[in-house]
Amino acid sequence: MIIERTITKEQIKELPKVIYEGRMILIQTEEEANKAVDFLKTQSTLGIDSETRPSFKKGQSHKVALLQLACKECCFLFRLNMIGLPQSLIELLENEKIQKVGLSLRDDFMMLRKRANLKEKGCIELQEYVRAFGIQDKSLQKIYALLFKHRISKSQQLTNWEADVLSDKQKLYAATDAWACLDIYNLLRQLKESGDFEIAPMPAII
């Protein structure tokens, strides 16, 4: 496999769109959260992402509303604006034996700490992990496009994540991001173990 170093927005627009096709489980009570965490604790690696209601007024801010945790079988969508950050979920995020793979994790956990005090462990930052493969881009959309030749839609990013009912499009968008993080990591880990990849040469400077 030849890994390109960077990709343009114009090139991404030409790629076919990818959507998460696995099972999505919406978590809206603490009891549901505890059951979900019991299952997630059996996994070795999870994709992680979060969503926050956008602010369009100066000085206005919101707490993180949704936390997505994806494994091979499914993706859990924790509605933190409804349940807060339960102790079981905090313990999962602090469990160093379970890897949490994501992008811009520093920002995600900074937002999560506005809900509860926690010290995240077992985290893998994809922006750093991809450097060994020559990838220079930092966004999830671009990294996924470079590796899988598919486009992740960002159309739901600025929607209301505190809505009483999340739309199907919102849930798909949220699940896709967490799943994509896990997908990227699993592919790169396999390539690292096999050595079956080449990094494309630097583009010529004209």
N, C-alpha and C. Protein backbone atom coordinates (compact mmCIF):
# COMPACT_ATOMS: atom_id res chain seq x y z
N MET A 1 0.85 -1.20 0.00
CA MET A 1 0.00 0.00 0.00
C MET A 1 0.88 1.25 0.00
N ILE A 2 0.58 2.16 -0.88
CA ILE A 2 1.31 3.44 -0.93
C ILE A 2 0.48 4.49 -0.20
N ILE A 3 1.07 5.12 0.79
CA ILE A 3 0.37 6.12 1.59
C ILE A 3 0.79 7.52 1.14
N GLU A 4 -0.18 8.27 0.65
CA GLU A 4 0.08 9.65 0.27
C GLU A 4 0.21 10.51 1.53
N ARG A 5 0.95 11.59 1.39
CA ARG A 5 1.22 12.44 2.56
C ARG A 5 0.11 13.44 2.85
N THR A 6 -0.57 13.88 1.81
CA THR A 6 -1.58 14.92 2.00
C THR A 6 -2.63 14.83 0.90
N ILE A 7 -3.77 15.46 1.13
CA ILE A 7 -4.85 15.46 0.15
C ILE A 7 -5.57 16.81 0.23
N THR A 8 -6.08 17.29 -0.89
CA THR A 8 -6.77 18.59 -0.91
C THR A 8 -8.27 18.40 -0.72
N LYS A 9 -8.94 19.48 -0.36
CA LYS A 9 -10.40 19.44 -0.21
C LYS A 9 -11.06 19.11 -1.53
N GLU A 10 -10.47 19.61 -2.62
CA GLU A 10 -11.02 19.34 -3.94
C GLU A 10 -10.96 17.85 -4.27
N GLN A 11 -9.86 17.22 -3.90
CA GLN A 11 -9.72 15.78 -4.14
C GLN A 11 -10.72 14.97 -3.29
N ILE A 12 -10.95 15.44 -2.06
CA ILE A 12 -11.89 14.75 -1.18
C ILE A 12 -13.31 14.79 -1.74
N LYS A 13 -13.68 15.92 -2.33
CA LYS A 13 -15.03 16.06 -2.89
C LYS A 13 -15.32 15.02 -3.97
N GLU A 14 -14.29 14.54 -4.62
CA GLU A 14 -14.47 13.56 -5.71
C GLU A 14 -14.62 12.13 -5.20
N LEU A 15 -14.37 11.92 -3.91
CA LEU A 15 -14.41 10.56 -3.36
C LEU A 15 -15.83 10.14 -2.99
N PRO A 16 -16.13 8.85 -3.03
CA PRO A 16 -17.45 8.37 -2.59
C PRO A 16 -17.60 8.54 -1.08
N LYS A 17 -18.82 8.80 -0.63
CA LYS A 17 -19.07 9.05 0.80
C LYS A 17 -19.16 7.74 1.57
N VAL A 18 -18.62 7.70 2.76
CA VAL A 18 -18.71 6.53 3.62
C VAL A 18 -19.60 6.85 4.82
N ILE A 19 -20.43 5.89 5.22
CA ILE A 19 -21.32 6.04 6.38
C ILE A 19 -21.20 4.79 7.24
N TYR A 20 -21.20 5.00 8.53
CA TYR A 20 -21.17 3.87 9.46
C TYR A 20 -22.38 2.98 9.25
N GLU A 21 -22.17 1.69 9.11
CA GLU A 21 -23.26 0.76 8.83
C GLU A 21 -23.50 -0.22 9.98
N GLY A 22 -22.79 -0.04 11.09
CA GLY A 22 -22.95 -0.94 12.22
C GLY A 22 -24.12 -0.57 13.12
N ARG A 23 -24.19 -1.23 14.23
CA ARG A 23 -25.27 -1.00 15.19
C ARG A 23 -24.98 0.23 16.04
N MET A 24 -25.98 1.10 16.21
CA MET A 24 -25.85 2.27 17.07
C MET A 24 -26.77 2.12 18.27
N ILE A 25 -26.23 2.40 19.45
CA ILE A 25 -27.01 2.27 20.68
C ILE A 25 -27.00 3.61 21.41
N LEU A 26 -28.18 4.22 21.52
CA LEU A 26 -28.31 5.52 22.16
C LEU A 26 -28.48 5.33 23.66
N ILE A 27 -27.66 6.03 24.44
CA ILE A 27 -27.67 5.92 25.90
C ILE A 27 -28.22 7.20 26.51
N GLN A 28 -29.38 7.08 27.20
CA GLN A 28 -30.04 8.28 27.71
C GLN A 28 -30.36 8.21 29.20
N THR A 29 -29.93 7.11 29.87
CA THR A 29 -30.11 7.01 31.32
C THR A 29 -28.81 6.47 31.93
N GLU A 30 -28.64 6.70 33.21
CA GLU A 30 -27.43 6.21 33.87
C GLU A 30 -27.41 4.68 33.91
N GLU A 31 -28.59 4.07 34.05
CA GLU A 31 -28.66 2.61 34.06
C GLU A 31 -28.18 2.04 32.72
N GLU A 32 -28.62 2.66 31.62
CA GLU A 32 -28.17 2.24 30.29
C GLU A 32 -26.67 2.43 30.15
N ALA A 33 -26.16 3.53 30.72
CA ALA A 33 -24.73 3.82 30.64
C ALA A 33 -23.92 2.75 31.37
N ASN A 34 -24.39 2.34 32.54
CA ASN A 34 -23.67 1.32 33.31
C ASN A 34 -23.61 -0.01 32.56
N LYS A 35 -24.71 -0.38 31.91
CA LYS A 35 -24.74 -1.62 31.13
C LYS A 35 -23.80 -1.53 29.93
N ALA A 36 -23.80 -0.37 29.29
CA ALA A 36 -22.93 -0.17 28.13
C ALA A 36 -21.46 -0.26 28.53
N VAL A 37 -21.12 0.35 29.66
CA VAL A 37 -19.74 0.32 30.14
C VAL A 37 -19.31 -1.10 30.48
N ASP A 38 -20.21 -1.88 31.06
CA ASP A 38 -19.90 -3.28 31.36
C ASP A 38 -19.46 -4.02 30.10
N PHE A 39 -20.14 -3.75 28.99
CA PHE A 39 -19.77 -4.37 27.72
C PHE A 39 -18.45 -3.80 27.20
N LEU A 40 -18.32 -2.47 27.23
CA LEU A 40 -17.13 -1.83 26.68
C LEU A 40 -15.86 -2.23 27.43
N LYS A 41 -16.00 -2.59 28.70
CA LYS A 41 -14.83 -3.02 29.48
C LYS A 41 -14.26 -4.35 29.00
N THR A 42 -15.03 -5.06 28.16
CA THR A 42 -14.53 -6.33 27.61
C THR A 42 -13.71 -6.11 26.33
N GLN A 43 -13.63 -4.86 25.86
CA GLN A 43 -12.92 -4.54 24.63
C GLN A 43 -11.49 -4.07 24.93
N SER A 44 -10.58 -4.29 24.00
CA SER A 44 -9.20 -3.84 24.19
C SER A 44 -8.95 -2.45 23.61
N THR A 45 -9.69 -2.10 22.55
CA THR A 45 -9.49 -0.81 21.87
C THR A 45 -10.83 -0.22 21.46
N LEU A 46 -10.99 1.08 21.69
CA LEU A 46 -12.23 1.78 21.35
C LEU A 46 -11.92 3.04 20.55
N GLY A 47 -12.78 3.34 19.60
CA GLY A 47 -12.73 4.64 18.94
C GLY A 47 -13.52 5.62 19.77
N ILE A 48 -13.04 6.85 19.89
CA ILE A 48 -13.71 7.82 20.76
C ILE A 48 -13.84 9.17 20.07
N ASP A 49 -14.95 9.84 20.32
CA ASP A 49 -15.17 11.19 19.80
C ASP A 49 -16.25 11.85 20.66
N SER A 50 -16.43 13.14 20.50
CA SER A 50 -17.48 13.83 21.24
C SER A 50 -18.07 14.95 20.40
N GLU A 51 -19.27 15.36 20.76
CA GLU A 51 -19.94 16.46 20.05
C GLU A 51 -20.47 17.46 21.07
N THR A 52 -20.36 18.73 20.72
CA THR A 52 -20.82 19.82 21.58
C THR A 52 -21.70 20.76 20.77
N ARG A 53 -22.78 21.20 21.37
CA ARG A 53 -23.66 22.15 20.68
C ARG A 53 -22.85 23.40 20.31
N PRO A 54 -22.91 23.81 19.05
CA PRO A 54 -22.13 24.99 18.63
C PRO A 54 -22.66 26.27 19.25
N SER A 55 -21.78 27.22 19.44
CA SER A 55 -22.16 28.54 19.97
C SER A 55 -22.02 29.57 18.87
N PHE A 56 -23.09 30.33 18.68
CA PHE A 56 -23.07 31.34 17.62
C PHE A 56 -23.08 32.77 18.19
N LYS A 57 -23.06 32.87 19.53
CA LYS A 57 -23.02 34.19 20.18
C LYS A 57 -21.70 34.34 20.93
N LYS A 58 -21.14 35.50 20.88
CA LYS A 58 -19.89 35.77 21.57
C LYS A 58 -20.05 35.57 23.08
N GLY A 59 -19.13 34.83 23.68
CA GLY A 59 -19.17 34.60 25.12
C GLY A 59 -20.03 33.43 25.54
N GLN A 60 -20.79 32.86 24.61
CA GLN A 60 -21.66 31.73 24.93
C GLN A 60 -20.90 30.42 24.70
N SER A 61 -21.08 29.47 25.60
CA SER A 61 -20.44 28.17 25.43
C SER A 61 -21.35 27.09 25.99
N HIS A 62 -21.11 25.87 25.57
CA HIS A 62 -21.92 24.74 26.01
C HIS A 62 -21.00 23.61 26.46
N LYS A 63 -21.52 22.75 27.32
CA LYS A 63 -20.77 21.57 27.73
C LYS A 63 -20.93 20.48 26.68
N VAL A 64 -19.99 19.55 26.66
CA VAL A 64 -20.06 18.45 25.71
C VAL A 64 -21.39 17.71 25.89
N ALA A 65 -22.08 17.46 24.78
CA ALA A 65 -23.42 16.89 24.83
C ALA A 65 -23.44 15.39 24.54
N LEU A 66 -22.49 14.93 23.72
CA LEU A 66 -22.52 13.54 23.28
C LEU A 66 -21.11 12.96 23.31
N LEU A 67 -21.00 11.75 23.83
CA LEU A 67 -19.73 11.02 23.81
C LEU A 67 -19.96 9.72 23.05
N GLN A 68 -19.13 9.50 22.02
CA GLN A 68 -19.27 8.30 21.20
C GLN A 68 -18.10 7.36 21.48
N LEU A 69 -18.42 6.10 21.72
CA LEU A 69 -17.42 5.06 21.92
C LEU A 69 -17.75 3.90 21.00
N ALA A 70 -16.84 3.59 20.09
CA ALA A 70 -17.09 2.57 19.08
C ALA A 70 -16.15 1.38 19.27
N CYS A 71 -16.70 0.20 19.08
CA CYS A 71 -15.88 -1.02 19.02
C CYS A 71 -16.20 -1.71 17.69
N LYS A 72 -15.70 -2.89 17.50
CA LYS A 72 -15.90 -3.58 16.23
C LYS A 72 -17.38 -3.87 15.97
N GLU A 73 -18.12 -4.20 17.02
CA GLU A 73 -19.51 -4.63 16.85
C GLU A 73 -20.52 -3.48 16.78
N CYS A 74 -20.25 -2.39 17.49
CA CYS A 74 -21.28 -1.35 17.60
C CYS A 74 -20.68 -0.03 18.08
N CYS A 75 -21.54 0.98 18.09
CA CYS A 75 -21.11 2.30 18.60
C CYS A 75 -22.15 2.78 19.61
N PHE A 76 -21.68 3.13 20.80
CA PHE A 76 -22.55 3.67 21.84
C PHE A 76 -22.52 5.20 21.79
N LEU A 77 -23.70 5.80 21.86
CA LEU A 77 -23.82 7.25 21.85
C LEU A 77 -24.36 7.69 23.21
N PHE A 78 -23.49 8.23 24.05
CA PHE A 78 -23.87 8.64 25.41
C PHE A 78 -24.33 10.09 25.39
N ARG A 79 -25.59 10.33 25.73
CA ARG A 79 -26.13 11.69 25.74
C ARG A 79 -25.81 12.36 27.09
N LEU A 80 -24.64 12.94 27.17
CA LEU A 80 -24.15 13.50 28.43
C LEU A 80 -24.98 14.69 28.89
N ASN A 81 -25.64 15.39 27.97
CA ASN A 81 -26.50 16.50 28.38
C ASN A 81 -27.70 16.01 29.17
N MET A 82 -27.99 14.71 29.07
CA MET A 82 -29.11 14.12 29.82
C MET A 82 -28.64 13.40 31.08
N ILE A 83 -27.48 12.75 31.01
CA ILE A 83 -27.05 11.89 32.13
C ILE A 83 -25.79 12.38 32.83
N GLY A 84 -25.20 13.46 32.34
CA GLY A 84 -23.93 13.89 32.92
C GLY A 84 -22.84 12.88 32.58
N LEU A 85 -21.82 12.80 33.43
CA LEU A 85 -20.73 11.85 33.22
C LEU A 85 -20.75 10.85 34.38
N PRO A 86 -21.45 9.72 34.20
CA PRO A 86 -21.57 8.73 35.29
C PRO A 86 -20.21 8.20 35.73
N GLN A 87 -20.15 7.74 36.98
CA GLN A 87 -18.90 7.23 37.55
C GLN A 87 -18.37 6.04 36.74
N SER A 88 -19.27 5.20 36.24
CA SER A 88 -18.83 4.04 35.46
C SER A 88 -18.10 4.47 34.19
N LEU A 89 -18.57 5.55 33.58
CA LEU A 89 -17.95 6.06 32.36
C LEU A 89 -16.60 6.71 32.66
N ILE A 90 -16.54 7.42 33.78
CA ILE A 90 -15.27 8.02 34.21
C ILE A 90 -14.22 6.93 34.41
N GLU A 91 -14.62 5.85 35.08
CA GLU A 91 -13.68 4.75 35.34
C GLU A 91 -13.21 4.10 34.04
N LEU A 92 -14.08 4.04 33.04
CA LEU A 92 -13.68 3.49 31.74
C LEU A 92 -12.64 4.39 31.07
N LEU A 93 -12.87 5.69 31.13
CA LEU A 93 -11.93 6.64 30.51
C LEU A 93 -10.59 6.67 31.24
N GLU A 94 -10.61 6.29 32.52
CA GLU A 94 -9.37 6.28 33.31
C GLU A 94 -8.69 4.91 33.31
N ASN A 95 -9.29 3.93 32.61
CA ASN A 95 -8.74 2.57 32.57
C ASN A 95 -7.62 2.50 31.54
N GLU A 96 -6.39 2.37 32.02
CA GLU A 96 -5.24 2.38 31.11
C GLU A 96 -5.11 1.10 30.29
N LYS A 97 -5.83 0.05 30.68
CA LYS A 97 -5.76 -1.22 29.95
C LYS A 97 -6.62 -1.22 28.69
N ILE A 98 -7.56 -0.27 28.59
CA ILE A 98 -8.43 -0.17 27.42
C ILE A 98 -7.99 1.05 26.61
N GLN A 99 -7.53 0.80 25.39
CA GLN A 99 -7.04 1.89 24.56
C GLN A 99 -8.22 2.70 24.00
N LYS A 100 -8.08 4.02 24.08
CA LYS A 100 -9.07 4.92 23.49
C LYS A 100 -8.39 5.69 22.37
N VAL A 101 -8.85 5.47 21.14
CA VAL A 101 -8.21 6.06 19.96
C VAL A 101 -9.08 7.19 19.41
N GLY A 102 -8.49 8.36 19.26
CA GLY A 102 -9.27 9.48 18.75
C GLY A 102 -8.39 10.55 18.14
N LEU A 103 -9.03 11.64 17.74
CA LEU A 103 -8.35 12.75 17.09
C LEU A 103 -8.62 14.02 17.89
N SER A 104 -7.60 14.80 18.15
CA SER A 104 -7.73 16.01 18.98
C SER A 104 -8.28 15.65 20.36
N LEU A 105 -7.72 14.61 20.95
CA LEU A 105 -8.21 14.13 22.24
C LEU A 105 -8.02 15.16 23.35
N ARG A 106 -7.00 15.96 23.23
CA ARG A 106 -6.77 16.99 24.25
C ARG A 106 -7.99 17.90 24.37
N ASP A 107 -8.57 18.27 23.22
CA ASP A 107 -9.75 19.13 23.22
C ASP A 107 -10.96 18.39 23.77
N ASP A 108 -11.12 17.12 23.37
CA ASP A 108 -12.26 16.34 23.84
C ASP A 108 -12.24 16.21 25.37
N PHE A 109 -11.09 15.88 25.92
CA PHE A 109 -11.02 15.67 27.38
C PHE A 109 -11.07 16.99 28.15
N MET A 110 -10.62 18.06 27.53
CA MET A 110 -10.76 19.36 28.17
C MET A 110 -12.25 19.69 28.35
N MET A 111 -13.04 19.36 27.33
CA MET A 111 -14.49 19.59 27.42
C MET A 111 -15.14 18.63 28.42
N LEU A 112 -14.70 17.37 28.42
CA LEU A 112 -15.28 16.40 29.34
C LEU A 112 -15.00 16.77 30.80
N ARG A 113 -13.83 17.36 31.05
CA ARG A 113 -13.49 17.75 32.43
C ARG A 113 -14.34 18.91 32.94
N LYS A 114 -15.10 19.56 32.06
CA LYS A 114 -16.03 20.58 32.51
C LYS A 114 -17.29 19.94 33.10
N ARG A 115 -17.45 18.64 32.85
CA ARG A 115 -18.57 17.90 33.42
C ARG A 115 -18.18 17.15 34.70
N ALA A 116 -16.95 16.66 34.74
CA ALA A 116 -16.49 15.91 35.91
C ALA A 116 -14.97 15.84 35.91
N ASN A 117 -14.40 15.73 37.09
CA ASN A 117 -12.95 15.61 37.21
C ASN A 117 -12.53 14.21 36.80
N LEU A 118 -11.63 14.11 35.85
CA LEU A 118 -11.14 12.79 35.43
C LEU A 118 -9.72 12.92 34.89
N LYS A 119 -9.00 11.80 34.96
CA LYS A 119 -7.63 11.73 34.45
C LYS A 119 -7.58 10.61 33.43
N GLU A 120 -7.75 10.97 32.17
CA GLU A 120 -7.83 9.97 31.11
C GLU A 120 -6.51 9.20 30.97
N LYS A 121 -6.64 7.92 30.68
CA LYS A 121 -5.47 7.05 30.50
C LYS A 121 -5.72 6.12 29.32
N GLY A 122 -4.63 5.54 28.79
CA GLY A 122 -4.74 4.60 27.70
C GLY A 122 -5.16 5.25 26.39
N CYS A 123 -4.77 6.50 26.18
CA CYS A 123 -5.22 7.24 24.99
C CYS A 123 -4.19 7.20 23.87
N ILE A 124 -4.67 7.09 22.65
CA ILE A 124 -3.82 7.14 21.46
C ILE A 124 -4.31 8.28 20.59
N GLU A 125 -3.46 9.28 20.39
CA GLU A 125 -3.79 10.45 19.58
C GLU A 125 -3.40 10.18 18.12
N LEU A 126 -4.41 10.11 17.25
CA LEU A 126 -4.14 9.79 15.86
C LEU A 126 -3.30 10.83 15.14
N GLN A 127 -3.43 12.08 15.52
CA GLN A 127 -2.63 13.12 14.87
C GLN A 127 -1.14 12.86 15.06
N GLU A 128 -0.78 12.25 16.18
CA GLU A 128 0.62 11.88 16.42
C GLU A 128 0.94 10.51 15.81
N TYR A 129 0.00 9.58 15.90
CA TYR A 129 0.24 8.21 15.44
C TYR A 129 0.50 8.15 13.94
N VAL A 130 -0.17 9.01 13.16
CA VAL A 130 -0.04 8.94 11.70
C VAL A 130 1.29 9.49 11.19
N ARG A 131 2.02 10.20 12.03
CA ARG A 131 3.28 10.81 11.57
C ARG A 131 4.27 9.76 11.08
N ALA A 132 4.31 8.61 11.74
CA ALA A 132 5.24 7.55 11.35
C ALA A 132 4.94 6.98 9.97
N PHE A 133 3.76 7.32 9.44
CA PHE A 133 3.36 6.83 8.12
C PHE A 133 3.42 7.94 7.08
N GLY A 134 4.06 9.04 7.43
CA GLY A 134 4.27 10.13 6.49
C GLY A 134 3.08 11.05 6.29
N ILE A 135 1.98 10.79 6.99
CA ILE A 135 0.78 11.61 6.80
C ILE A 135 0.95 12.96 7.47
N GLN A 136 0.74 14.01 6.69
CA GLN A 136 0.93 15.37 7.21
C GLN A 136 -0.38 16.04 7.61
N ASP A 137 -1.50 15.56 7.08
CA ASP A 137 -2.80 16.16 7.39
C ASP A 137 -3.23 15.83 8.81
N LYS A 138 -4.05 16.70 9.39
CA LYS A 138 -4.44 16.55 10.80
C LYS A 138 -5.92 16.25 11.00
N SER A 139 -6.75 16.49 10.00
CA SER A 139 -8.19 16.29 10.19
C SER A 139 -8.59 14.85 9.96
N LEU A 140 -9.64 14.42 10.65
CA LEU A 140 -10.13 13.05 10.50
C LEU A 140 -10.56 12.79 9.07
N GLN A 141 -11.25 13.75 8.48
CA GLN A 141 -11.73 13.59 7.11
C GLN A 141 -10.58 13.35 6.13
N LYS A 142 -9.50 14.12 6.27
CA LYS A 142 -8.38 13.98 5.35
C LYS A 142 -7.59 12.69 5.59
N ILE A 143 -7.37 12.34 6.86
CA ILE A 143 -6.62 11.11 7.16
C ILE A 143 -7.40 9.89 6.64
N TYR A 144 -8.71 9.89 6.85
CA TYR A 144 -9.52 8.76 6.38
C TYR A 144 -9.50 8.69 4.86
N ALA A 145 -9.59 9.84 4.21
CA ALA A 145 -9.58 9.87 2.75
C ALA A 145 -8.26 9.35 2.19
N LEU A 146 -7.15 9.70 2.82
CA LEU A 146 -5.84 9.24 2.37
C LEU A 146 -5.72 7.72 2.45
N LEU A 147 -6.26 7.14 3.50
CA LEU A 147 -6.07 5.71 3.75
C LEU A 147 -7.13 4.83 3.09
N PHE A 148 -8.37 5.33 3.02
CA PHE A 148 -9.47 4.48 2.55
C PHE A 148 -10.11 4.96 1.25
N LYS A 149 -9.68 6.13 0.75
CA LYS A 149 -10.21 6.67 -0.51
C LYS A 149 -11.73 6.86 -0.46
N HIS A 150 -12.23 7.24 0.70
CA HIS A 150 -13.64 7.57 0.88
C HIS A 150 -13.75 8.87 1.68
N ARG A 151 -14.90 9.52 1.55
CA ARG A 151 -15.12 10.83 2.17
C ARG A 151 -16.10 10.71 3.33
N ILE A 152 -15.71 11.27 4.47
CA ILE A 152 -16.60 11.37 5.62
C ILE A 152 -17.33 12.72 5.54
N SER A 153 -18.64 12.68 5.57
CA SER A 153 -19.43 13.91 5.51
C SER A 153 -19.32 14.67 6.83
N LYS A 154 -19.23 16.01 6.75
CA LYS A 154 -19.17 16.84 7.96
C LYS A 154 -20.42 17.73 8.06
N SER A 155 -21.49 17.37 7.33
CA SER A 155 -22.65 18.25 7.22
C SER A 155 -23.41 18.45 8.53
N GLN A 156 -23.28 17.51 9.48
CA GLN A 156 -24.03 17.59 10.74
C GLN A 156 -23.23 18.22 11.89
N GLN A 157 -22.01 18.64 11.60
CA GLN A 157 -21.11 19.08 12.66
C GLN A 157 -21.67 20.23 13.50
N LEU A 158 -22.33 21.18 12.85
CA LEU A 158 -22.80 22.38 13.56
C LEU A 158 -24.29 22.32 13.88
N THR A 159 -24.83 21.13 14.05
CA THR A 159 -26.24 21.00 14.42
C THR A 159 -26.38 21.01 15.94
N ASN A 160 -27.62 21.02 16.42
CA ASN A 160 -27.88 21.09 17.86
C ASN A 160 -27.77 19.71 18.50
N TRP A 161 -26.68 19.48 19.20
CA TRP A 161 -26.44 18.19 19.83
C TRP A 161 -27.17 18.05 21.17
N GLU A 162 -27.89 19.10 21.58
CA GLU A 162 -28.70 19.03 22.80
C GLU A 162 -30.18 18.93 22.48
N ALA A 163 -30.51 18.67 21.23
CA ALA A 163 -31.92 18.55 20.83
C ALA A 163 -32.59 17.43 21.63
N ASP A 164 -33.90 17.58 21.86
CA ASP A 164 -34.63 16.55 22.61
C ASP A 164 -34.49 15.18 21.96
N VAL A 165 -34.54 15.17 20.64
CA VAL A 165 -34.38 13.94 19.87
C VAL A 165 -33.32 14.15 18.81
N LEU A 166 -32.29 13.33 18.80
CA LEU A 166 -31.27 13.42 17.77
C LEU A 166 -31.80 12.80 16.48
N SER A 167 -31.53 13.45 15.36
CA SER A 167 -31.97 12.92 14.07
C SER A 167 -31.11 11.71 13.67
N ASP A 168 -31.62 10.94 12.74
CA ASP A 168 -30.85 9.79 12.24
C ASP A 168 -29.54 10.27 11.62
N LYS A 169 -29.57 11.41 10.95
CA LYS A 169 -28.36 11.95 10.33
C LYS A 169 -27.33 12.33 11.39
N GLN A 170 -27.78 12.90 12.50
CA GLN A 170 -26.86 13.25 13.59
C GLN A 170 -26.22 12.00 14.18
N LYS A 171 -27.04 10.99 14.43
CA LYS A 171 -26.52 9.76 15.03
C LYS A 171 -25.52 9.08 14.10
N LEU A 172 -25.81 9.05 12.81
CA LEU A 172 -24.90 8.45 11.84
C LEU A 172 -23.58 9.22 11.76
N TYR A 173 -23.68 10.54 11.76
CA TYR A 173 -22.48 11.38 11.72
C TYR A 173 -21.60 11.11 12.95
N ALA A 174 -22.22 11.10 14.11
CA ALA A 174 -21.49 10.91 15.36
C ALA A 174 -20.83 9.54 15.42
N ALA A 175 -21.59 8.51 15.06
CA ALA A 175 -21.05 7.15 15.09
C ALA A 175 -19.94 6.97 14.07
N THR A 176 -20.10 7.58 12.90
CA THR A 176 -19.09 7.46 11.84
C THR A 176 -17.74 7.99 12.30
N ASP A 177 -17.73 9.11 13.00
CA ASP A 177 -16.47 9.71 13.44
C ASP A 177 -15.72 8.80 14.41
N ALA A 178 -16.42 8.24 15.39
CA ALA A 178 -15.76 7.37 16.37
C ALA A 178 -15.30 6.07 15.71
N TRP A 179 -16.15 5.51 14.85
CA TRP A 179 -15.81 4.28 14.12
C TRP A 179 -14.61 4.51 13.20
N ALA A 180 -14.58 5.66 12.54
CA ALA A 180 -13.48 5.97 11.62
C ALA A 180 -12.14 6.03 12.35
N CYS A 181 -12.14 6.57 13.56
CA CYS A 181 -10.90 6.62 14.35
C CYS A 181 -10.38 5.21 14.61
N LEU A 182 -11.28 4.32 14.98
CA LEU A 182 -10.89 2.93 15.24
C LEU A 182 -10.43 2.25 13.95
N ASP A 183 -11.12 2.52 12.85
CA ASP A 183 -10.78 1.94 11.56
C ASP A 183 -9.37 2.36 11.12
N ILE A 184 -9.07 3.63 11.28
CA ILE A 184 -7.75 4.16 10.91
C ILE A 184 -6.66 3.48 11.73
N TYR A 185 -6.87 3.42 13.03
CA TYR A 185 -5.87 2.82 13.91
C TYR A 185 -5.63 1.36 13.59
N ASN A 186 -6.71 0.60 13.38
CA ASN A 186 -6.58 -0.82 13.10
C ASN A 186 -5.81 -1.06 11.80
N LEU A 187 -6.09 -0.25 10.77
CA LEU A 187 -5.37 -0.40 9.51
C LEU A 187 -3.88 -0.08 9.68
N LEU A 188 -3.58 1.04 10.32
CA LEU A 188 -2.18 1.44 10.49
C LEU A 188 -1.42 0.46 11.37
N ARG A 189 -2.08 -0.09 12.37
CA ARG A 189 -1.42 -1.07 13.23
C ARG A 189 -1.07 -2.32 12.42
N GLN A 190 -1.99 -2.74 11.55
CA GLN A 190 -1.73 -3.91 10.69
C GLN A 190 -0.58 -3.63 9.74
N LEU A 191 -0.56 -2.44 9.15
CA LEU A 191 0.51 -2.08 8.22
C LEU A 191 1.85 -2.01 8.94
N LYS A 192 1.83 -1.50 10.17
CA LYS A 192 3.06 -1.40 10.95
C LYS A 192 3.62 -2.79 11.25
N GLU A 193 2.72 -3.73 11.58
CA GLU A 193 3.16 -5.09 11.90
C GLU A 193 3.67 -5.84 10.67
N SER A 194 3.02 -5.61 9.52
CA SER A 194 3.40 -6.32 8.30
C SER A 194 4.51 -5.62 7.53
N GLY A 195 4.62 -4.30 7.72
CA GLY A 195 5.60 -3.53 6.95
C GLY A 195 5.21 -3.38 5.50
N ASP A 196 3.96 -3.73 5.18
CA ASP A 196 3.49 -3.76 3.79
C ASP A 196 2.95 -2.39 3.37
N PHE A 197 3.81 -1.38 3.44
CA PHE A 197 3.39 -0.05 2.97
C PHE A 197 4.61 0.76 2.55
N GLU A 198 4.35 1.74 1.70
CA GLU A 198 5.38 2.68 1.27
C GLU A 198 4.83 4.08 1.45
N ILE A 199 5.66 5.01 1.85
CA ILE A 199 5.27 6.39 1.97
C ILE A 199 5.58 7.09 0.66
N ALA A 200 4.60 7.75 0.09
CA ALA A 200 4.78 8.45 -1.19
C ALA A 200 5.87 9.51 -1.04
N PRO A 201 6.64 9.73 -2.10
CA PRO A 201 7.70 10.75 -2.04
C PRO A 201 7.12 12.15 -1.86
N MET A 202 7.92 13.03 -1.32
CA MET A 202 7.49 14.43 -1.17
C MET A 202 7.22 15.02 -2.54
N PRO A 203 6.13 15.79 -2.68
CA PRO A 203 5.85 16.40 -3.97
C PRO A 203 6.95 17.39 -4.35
N ALA A 204 7.24 17.45 -5.64
CA ALA A 204 8.30 18.35 -6.11
C ALA A 204 7.88 19.80 -5.93
N ILE A 205 8.82 20.62 -5.52
CA ILE A 205 8.56 22.07 -5.36
C ILE A 205 8.86 22.77 -6.68
N ILE A 206 7.83 23.38 -7.23
CA ILE A 206 8.00 24.04 -8.52
C ILE A 206 8.49 25.47 -8.33
